[in-house]
């Protein structure tokens, strides 16, 4: 099992941060956990959560045999 972290704001999950003019950023969100951005490090996820006012959640990923 592997632990990863996801940032959630309300019912939306953080997807990506893109740079726009003059050092400003736009945050893209998704309503699907499958499209969310996962972070292996808690500190990175925490920084993103603080920037957007969201919360960090730990997710356990398991390898499933087909």
PDB file of N, CA and C in Angstrom:
ATOM      1  N   UNK A   1       0.830  -1.172   0.000  1.00  0.00           N
ATOM      2  CA  UNK A   1       0.000   0.000   0.000  1.00  0.00           C
ATOM      3  C   UNK A   1       0.884   1.247   0.000  1.00  0.00           C
ATOM      4  N   UNK A   2       0.407   2.283  -0.636  1.00  0.00           N
ATOM      5  CA  UNK A   2       1.148   3.523  -0.740  1.00  0.00           C
ATOM      6  C   UNK A   2       0.243   4.670  -0.289  1.00  0.00           C
ATOM      7  N   UNK A   3       0.771   5.563   0.531  1.00  0.00           N
ATOM      8  CA  UNK A   3       0.008   6.730   0.962  1.00  0.00           C
ATOM      9  C   UNK A   3       0.275   7.896   0.033  1.00  0.00           C
ATOM     10  N   UNK A   4      -0.783   8.575  -0.380  1.00  0.00           N
ATOM     11  CA  UNK A   4      -0.681   9.810  -1.142  1.00  0.00           C
ATOM     12  C   UNK A   4      -1.656  10.801  -0.514  1.00  0.00           C
ATOM     13  N   UNK A   5      -1.526  12.049  -0.900  1.00  0.00           N
ATOM     14  CA  UNK A   5      -2.372  13.095  -0.332  1.00  0.00           C
ATOM     15  C   UNK A   5      -3.082  13.838  -1.448  1.00  0.00           C
ATOM     16  N   UNK A   6      -4.298  14.268  -1.151  1.00  0.00           N
ATOM     17  CA  UNK A   6      -5.089  15.027  -2.099  1.00  0.00           C
ATOM     18  C   UNK A   6      -5.629  16.255  -1.358  1.00  0.00           C
ATOM     19  N   UNK A   7      -5.783  17.357  -2.088  1.00  0.00           N
ATOM     20  CA  UNK A   7      -6.314  18.584  -1.506  1.00  0.00           C
ATOM     21  C   UNK A   7      -7.755  18.741  -1.961  1.00  0.00           C
ATOM     22  N   UNK A   8      -8.627  19.012  -0.993  1.00  0.00           N
ATOM     23  CA  UNK A   8     -10.047  19.147  -1.287  1.00  0.00           C
ATOM     24  C   UNK A   8     -10.538  20.496  -0.770  1.00  0.00           C
ATOM     25  N   UNK A   9     -11.373  21.150  -1.567  1.00  0.00           N
ATOM     26  CA  UNK A   9     -11.996  22.413  -1.206  1.00  0.00           C
ATOM     27  C   UNK A   9     -13.486  22.260  -1.462  1.00  0.00           C
ATOM     28  N   UNK A  10     -14.256  22.156  -0.408  1.00  0.00           N
ATOM     29  CA  UNK A  10     -15.689  21.891  -0.555  1.00  0.00           C
ATOM     30  C   UNK A  10     -15.880  20.520  -1.181  1.00  0.00           C
ATOM     31  N   UNK A  11     -16.586  20.461  -2.298  1.00  0.00           N
ATOM     32  CA  UNK A  11     -16.809  19.207  -3.018  1.00  0.00           C
ATOM     33  C   UNK A  11     -15.845  19.009  -4.187  1.00  0.00           C
ATOM     34  N   UNK A  12     -14.842  19.874  -4.285  1.00  0.00           N
ATOM     35  CA  UNK A  12     -13.914  19.813  -5.412  1.00  0.00           C
ATOM     36  C   UNK A  12     -12.524  19.403  -4.954  1.00  0.00           C
ATOM     37  N   UNK A  13     -11.800  18.761  -5.856  1.00  0.00           N
ATOM     38  CA  UNK A  13     -10.423  18.334  -5.614  1.00  0.00           C
ATOM     39  C   UNK A  13      -9.479  19.181  -6.454  1.00  0.00           C
ATOM     40  N   UNK A  14      -8.304  19.482  -5.896  1.00  0.00           N
ATOM     41  CA  UNK A  14      -7.291  20.233  -6.618  1.00  0.00           C
ATOM     42  C   UNK A  14      -6.756  19.399  -7.775  1.00  0.00           C
ATOM     43  N   UNK A  15      -6.674  20.025  -8.962  1.00  0.00           N
ATOM     44  CA  UNK A  15      -6.161  19.332 -10.142  1.00  0.00           C
ATOM     45  C   UNK A  15      -4.793  19.866 -10.546  1.00  0.00           C
ATOM     46  N   UNK A  16      -4.669  21.185 -10.727  1.00  0.00           N
ATOM     47  CA  UNK A  16      -3.381  21.739 -11.120  1.00  0.00           C
ATOM     48  C   UNK A  16      -3.347  23.241 -10.888  1.00  0.00           C
ATOM     49  N   UNK A  17      -2.131  23.746 -10.815  1.00  0.00           N
ATOM     50  CA  UNK A  17      -1.886  25.175 -10.645  1.00  0.00           C
ATOM     51  C   UNK A  17      -1.144  25.630 -11.882  1.00  0.00           C
ATOM     52  N   UNK A  18      -1.662  26.671 -12.536  1.00  0.00           N
ATOM     53  CA  UNK A  18      -0.970  27.165 -13.724  1.00  0.00           C
ATOM     54  C   UNK A  18      -0.673  28.648 -13.559  1.00  0.00           C
ATOM     55  N   UNK A  19       0.461  29.035 -14.053  1.00  0.00           N
ATOM     56  CA  UNK A  19       0.907  30.417 -13.938  1.00  0.00           C
ATOM     57  C   UNK A  19       0.191  31.279 -14.979  1.00  0.00           C
ATOM     58  N   UNK A  20      -0.241  32.450 -14.529  1.00  0.00           N
ATOM     59  CA  UNK A  20      -0.768  33.444 -15.460  1.00  0.00           C
ATOM     60  C   UNK A  20       0.084  34.698 -15.296  1.00  0.00           C
ATOM     61  N   UNK A  21      -0.317  35.779 -15.804  1.00  0.00           N
ATOM     62  CA  UNK A  21       0.509  36.986 -15.843  1.00  0.00           C
ATOM     63  C   UNK A  21       0.959  37.498 -14.479  1.00  0.00           C
ATOM     64  N   UNK A  22       2.150  38.047 -14.441  1.00  0.00           N
ATOM     65  CA  UNK A  22       2.695  38.777 -13.298  1.00  0.00           C
ATOM     66  C   UNK A  22       2.770  37.964 -12.010  1.00  0.00           C
ATOM     67  N   UNK A  23       3.123  36.691 -12.108  1.00  0.00           N
ATOM     68  CA  UNK A  23       3.316  35.865 -10.922  1.00  0.00           C
ATOM     69  C   UNK A  23       2.038  35.397 -10.252  1.00  0.00           C
ATOM     70  N   UNK A  24       0.903  35.643 -10.885  1.00  0.00           N
ATOM     71  CA  UNK A  24      -0.369  35.155 -10.348  1.00  0.00           C
ATOM     72  C   UNK A  24      -0.630  33.742 -10.845  1.00  0.00           C
ATOM     73  N   UNK A  25      -1.469  33.035 -10.135  1.00  0.00           N
ATOM     74  CA  UNK A  25      -1.758  31.654 -10.488  1.00  0.00           C
ATOM     75  C   UNK A  25      -3.255  31.421 -10.587  1.00  0.00           C
ATOM     76  N   UNK A  26      -3.603  30.438 -11.376  1.00  0.00           N
ATOM     77  CA  UNK A  26      -4.983  29.973 -11.506  1.00  0.00           C
ATOM     78  C   UNK A  26      -4.987  28.530 -11.023  1.00  0.00           C
ATOM     79  N   UNK A  27      -5.937  28.205 -10.197  1.00  0.00           N
ATOM     80  CA  UNK A  27      -6.048  26.854  -9.658  1.00  0.00           C
ATOM     81  C   UNK A  27      -7.200  26.146 -10.353  1.00  0.00           C
ATOM     82  N   UNK A  28      -6.908  24.998 -10.956  1.00  0.00           N
ATOM     83  CA  UNK A  28      -7.953  24.210 -11.610  1.00  0.00           C
ATOM     84  C   UNK A  28      -8.412  23.129 -10.650  1.00  0.00           C
ATOM     85  N   UNK A  29      -9.708  22.955 -10.570  1.00  0.00           N
ATOM     86  CA  UNK A  29     -10.316  21.989  -9.665  1.00  0.00           C
ATOM     87  C   UNK A  29     -11.135  20.989 -10.474  1.00  0.00           C
ATOM     88  N   UNK A  30     -11.425  19.852  -9.872  1.00  0.00           N
ATOM     89  CA  UNK A  30     -12.249  18.830 -10.518  1.00  0.00           C
ATOM     90  C   UNK A  30     -13.196  18.227  -9.490  1.00  0.00           C
ATOM     91  N   UNK A  31     -14.304  17.713  -9.959  1.00  0.00           N
ATOM     92  CA  UNK A  31     -15.244  17.070  -9.033  1.00  0.00           C
ATOM     93  C   UNK A  31     -15.032  15.562  -8.965  1.00  0.00           C
ATOM     94  N   UNK A  32     -13.991  15.065  -9.641  1.00  0.00           N
ATOM     95  CA  UNK A  32     -13.706  13.635  -9.682  1.00  0.00           C
ATOM     96  C   UNK A  32     -12.353  13.341  -9.036  1.00  0.00           C
ATOM     97  N   UNK A  33     -12.334  12.441  -8.084  1.00  0.00           N
ATOM     98  CA  UNK A  33     -11.084  12.041  -7.453  1.00  0.00           C
ATOM     99  C   UNK A  33     -10.132  11.420  -8.472  1.00  0.00           C
ATOM    100  N   UNK A  34     -10.671  10.779  -9.495  1.00  0.00           N
ATOM    101  CA  UNK A  34      -9.836  10.163 -10.538  1.00  0.00           C
ATOM    102  C   UNK A  34      -9.018  11.193 -11.308  1.00  0.00           C
ATOM    103  N   UNK A  35      -9.499  12.429 -11.389  1.00  0.00           N
ATOM    104  CA  UNK A  35      -8.802  13.483 -12.133  1.00  0.00           C
ATOM    105  C   UNK A  35      -7.999  14.404 -11.231  1.00  0.00           C
ATOM    106  N   UNK A  36      -8.023  14.162  -9.941  1.00  0.00           N
ATOM    107  CA  UNK A  36      -7.331  15.014  -8.982  1.00  0.00           C
ATOM    108  C   UNK A  36      -5.826  14.792  -9.030  1.00  0.00           C
ATOM    109  N   UNK A  37      -5.109  15.765  -8.531  1.00  0.00           N
ATOM    110  CA  UNK A  37      -3.654  15.678  -8.440  1.00  0.00           C
ATOM    111  C   UNK A  37      -3.279  15.070  -7.096  1.00  0.00           C
ATOM    112  N   UNK A  38      -2.477  14.021  -7.118  1.00  0.00           N
ATOM    113  CA  UNK A  38      -2.023  13.370  -5.888  1.00  0.00           C
ATOM    114  C   UNK A  38      -0.602  13.804  -5.591  1.00  0.00           C
ATOM    115  N   UNK A  39      -0.310  13.981  -4.327  1.00  0.00           N
ATOM    116  CA  UNK A  39       1.028  14.354  -3.886  1.00  0.00           C
ATOM    117  C   UNK A  39       1.562  13.273  -2.966  1.00  0.00           C
ATOM    118  N   UNK A  40       2.817  12.889  -3.168  1.00  0.00           N
ATOM    119  CA  UNK A  40       3.418  11.887  -2.291  1.00  0.00           C
ATOM    120  C   UNK A  40       3.875  12.508  -0.982  1.00  0.00           C
ATOM    121  N   UNK A  41       4.094  13.812  -0.969  1.00  0.00           N
ATOM    122  CA  UNK A  41       4.552  14.480   0.236  1.00  0.00           C
ATOM    123  C   UNK A  41       3.457  15.295   0.897  1.00  0.00           C
ATOM    124  N   UNK A  42       3.338  15.151   2.203  1.00  0.00           N
ATOM    125  CA  UNK A  42       2.319  15.893   2.944  1.00  0.00           C
ATOM    126  C   UNK A  42       2.576  17.392   2.889  1.00  0.00           C
ATOM    127  N   UNK A  43       3.838  17.809   3.010  1.00  0.00           N
ATOM    128  CA  UNK A  43       4.153  19.239   3.045  1.00  0.00           C
ATOM    129  C   UNK A  43       3.735  19.956   1.773  1.00  0.00           C
ATOM    130  N   UNK A  44       3.938  19.326   0.642  1.00  0.00           N
ATOM    131  CA  UNK A  44       3.533  19.913  -0.635  1.00  0.00           C
ATOM    132  C   UNK A  44       2.017  20.081  -0.701  1.00  0.00           C
ATOM    133  N   UNK A  45       1.295  19.052  -0.284  1.00  0.00           N
ATOM    134  CA  UNK A  45      -0.166  19.115  -0.285  1.00  0.00           C
ATOM    135  C   UNK A  45      -0.656  20.172   0.710  1.00  0.00           C
ATOM    136  N   UNK A  46       0.002  20.263   1.844  1.00  0.00           N
ATOM    137  CA  UNK A  46      -0.379  21.249   2.871  1.00  0.00           C
ATOM    138  C   UNK A  46      -0.205  22.664   2.338  1.00  0.00           C
ATOM    139  N   UNK A  47       0.892  22.926   1.626  1.00  0.00           N
ATOM    140  CA  UNK A  47       1.118  24.254   1.052  1.00  0.00           C
ATOM    141  C   UNK A  47       0.023  24.625   0.061  1.00  0.00           C
ATOM    142  N   UNK A  48      -0.357  23.695  -0.783  1.00  0.00           N
ATOM    143  CA  UNK A  48      -1.429  23.946  -1.744  1.00  0.00           C
ATOM    144  C   UNK A  48      -2.742  24.201  -1.024  1.00  0.00           C
ATOM    145  N   UNK A  49      -3.035  23.397  -0.015  1.00  0.00           N
ATOM    146  CA  UNK A  49      -4.275  23.565   0.752  1.00  0.00           C
ATOM    147  C   UNK A  49      -4.329  24.942   1.398  1.00  0.00           C
ATOM    148  N   UNK A  50      -3.223  25.392   1.951  1.00  0.00           N
ATOM    149  CA  UNK A  50      -3.183  26.710   2.578  1.00  0.00           C
ATOM    150  C   UNK A  50      -3.392  27.821   1.562  1.00  0.00           C
ATOM    151  N   UNK A  51      -2.874  27.648   0.353  1.00  0.00           N
ATOM    152  CA  UNK A  51      -3.027  28.658  -0.690  1.00  0.00           C
ATOM    153  C   UNK A  51      -4.480  28.806  -1.128  1.00  0.00           C
ATOM    154  N   UNK A  52      -5.216  27.710  -1.197  1.00  0.00           N
ATOM    155  CA  UNK A  52      -6.590  27.778  -1.717  1.00  0.00           C
ATOM    156  C   UNK A  52      -7.653  27.724  -0.621  1.00  0.00           C
ATOM    157  N   UNK A  53      -7.234  27.518   0.626  1.00  0.00           N
ATOM    158  CA  UNK A  53      -8.208  27.443   1.716  1.00  0.00           C
ATOM    159  C   UNK A  53      -8.858  26.083   1.848  1.00  0.00           C
ATOM    160  N   UNK A  54      -8.191  25.049   1.345  1.00  0.00           N
ATOM    161  CA  UNK A  54      -8.737  23.696   1.401  1.00  0.00           C
ATOM    162  C   UNK A  54      -8.130  22.875   2.526  1.00  0.00           C
ATOM    163  N   UNK A  55      -8.378  21.580   2.487  1.00  0.00           N
ATOM    164  CA  UNK A  55      -7.865  20.645   3.477  1.00  0.00           C
ATOM    165  C   UNK A  55      -7.154  19.494   2.778  1.00  0.00           C
ATOM    166  N   UNK A  56      -6.212  18.882   3.497  1.00  0.00           N
ATOM    167  CA  UNK A  56      -5.447  17.752   2.970  1.00  0.00           C
ATOM    168  C   UNK A  56      -6.052  16.456   3.483  1.00  0.00           C
ATOM    169  N   UNK A  57      -6.195  15.485   2.585  1.00  0.00           N
ATOM    170  CA  UNK A  57      -6.699  14.163   2.959  1.00  0.00           C
ATOM    171  C   UNK A  57      -5.703  13.103   2.513  1.00  0.00           C
ATOM    172  N   UNK A  58      -5.470  12.125   3.387  1.00  0.00           N
ATOM    173  CA  UNK A  58      -4.570  11.020   3.049  1.00  0.00           C
ATOM    174  C   UNK A  58      -5.386   9.913   2.391  1.00  0.00           C
ATOM    175  N   UNK A  59      -4.840   9.363   1.327  1.00  0.00           N
ATOM    176  CA  UNK A  59      -5.489   8.270   0.601  1.00  0.00           C
ATOM    177  C   UNK A  59      -4.512   7.108   0.532  1.00  0.00           C
ATOM    178  N   UNK A  60      -4.979   5.914   0.802  1.00  0.00           N
ATOM    179  CA  UNK A  60      -4.160   4.709   0.689  1.00  0.00           C
ATOM    180  C   UNK A  60      -4.427   4.059  -0.655  1.00  0.00           C
ATOM    181  N   UNK A  61      -3.400   3.955  -1.474  1.00  0.00           N
ATOM    182  CA  UNK A  61      -3.532   3.295  -2.775  1.00  0.00           C
ATOM    183  C   UNK A  61      -3.064   1.851  -2.647  1.00  0.00           C
ATOM    184  N   UNK A  62      -3.831   0.964  -3.211  1.00  0.00           N
ATOM    185  CA  UNK A  62      -3.477  -0.462  -3.195  1.00  0.00           C
ATOM    186  C   UNK A  62      -3.319  -0.962  -4.616  1.00  0.00           C
ATOM    187  N   UNK A  63      -2.413  -1.882  -4.792  1.00  0.00           N
ATOM    188  CA  UNK A  63      -2.281  -2.529  -6.089  1.00  0.00           C
ATOM    189  C   UNK A  63      -3.304  -3.662  -6.127  1.00  0.00           C
ATOM    190  N   UNK A  64      -4.085  -3.698  -7.186  1.00  0.00           N
ATOM    191  CA  UNK A  64      -5.132  -4.703  -7.333  1.00  0.00           C
ATOM    192  C   UNK A  64      -4.758  -5.629  -8.472  1.00  0.00           C
ATOM    193  N   UNK A  65      -4.866  -6.921  -8.229  1.00  0.00           N
ATOM    194  CA  UNK A  65      -4.596  -7.892  -9.294  1.00  0.00           C
ATOM    195  C   UNK A  65      -5.779  -7.970 -10.220  1.00  0.00           C
ATOM    196  N   UNK A  66      -5.487  -8.032 -11.493  1.00  0.00           N
ATOM    197  CA  UNK A  66      -6.567  -8.083 -12.504  1.00  0.00           C
ATOM    198  C   UNK A  66      -6.997  -9.499 -12.764  1.00  0.00           C
TER     199      UNK A  66
END
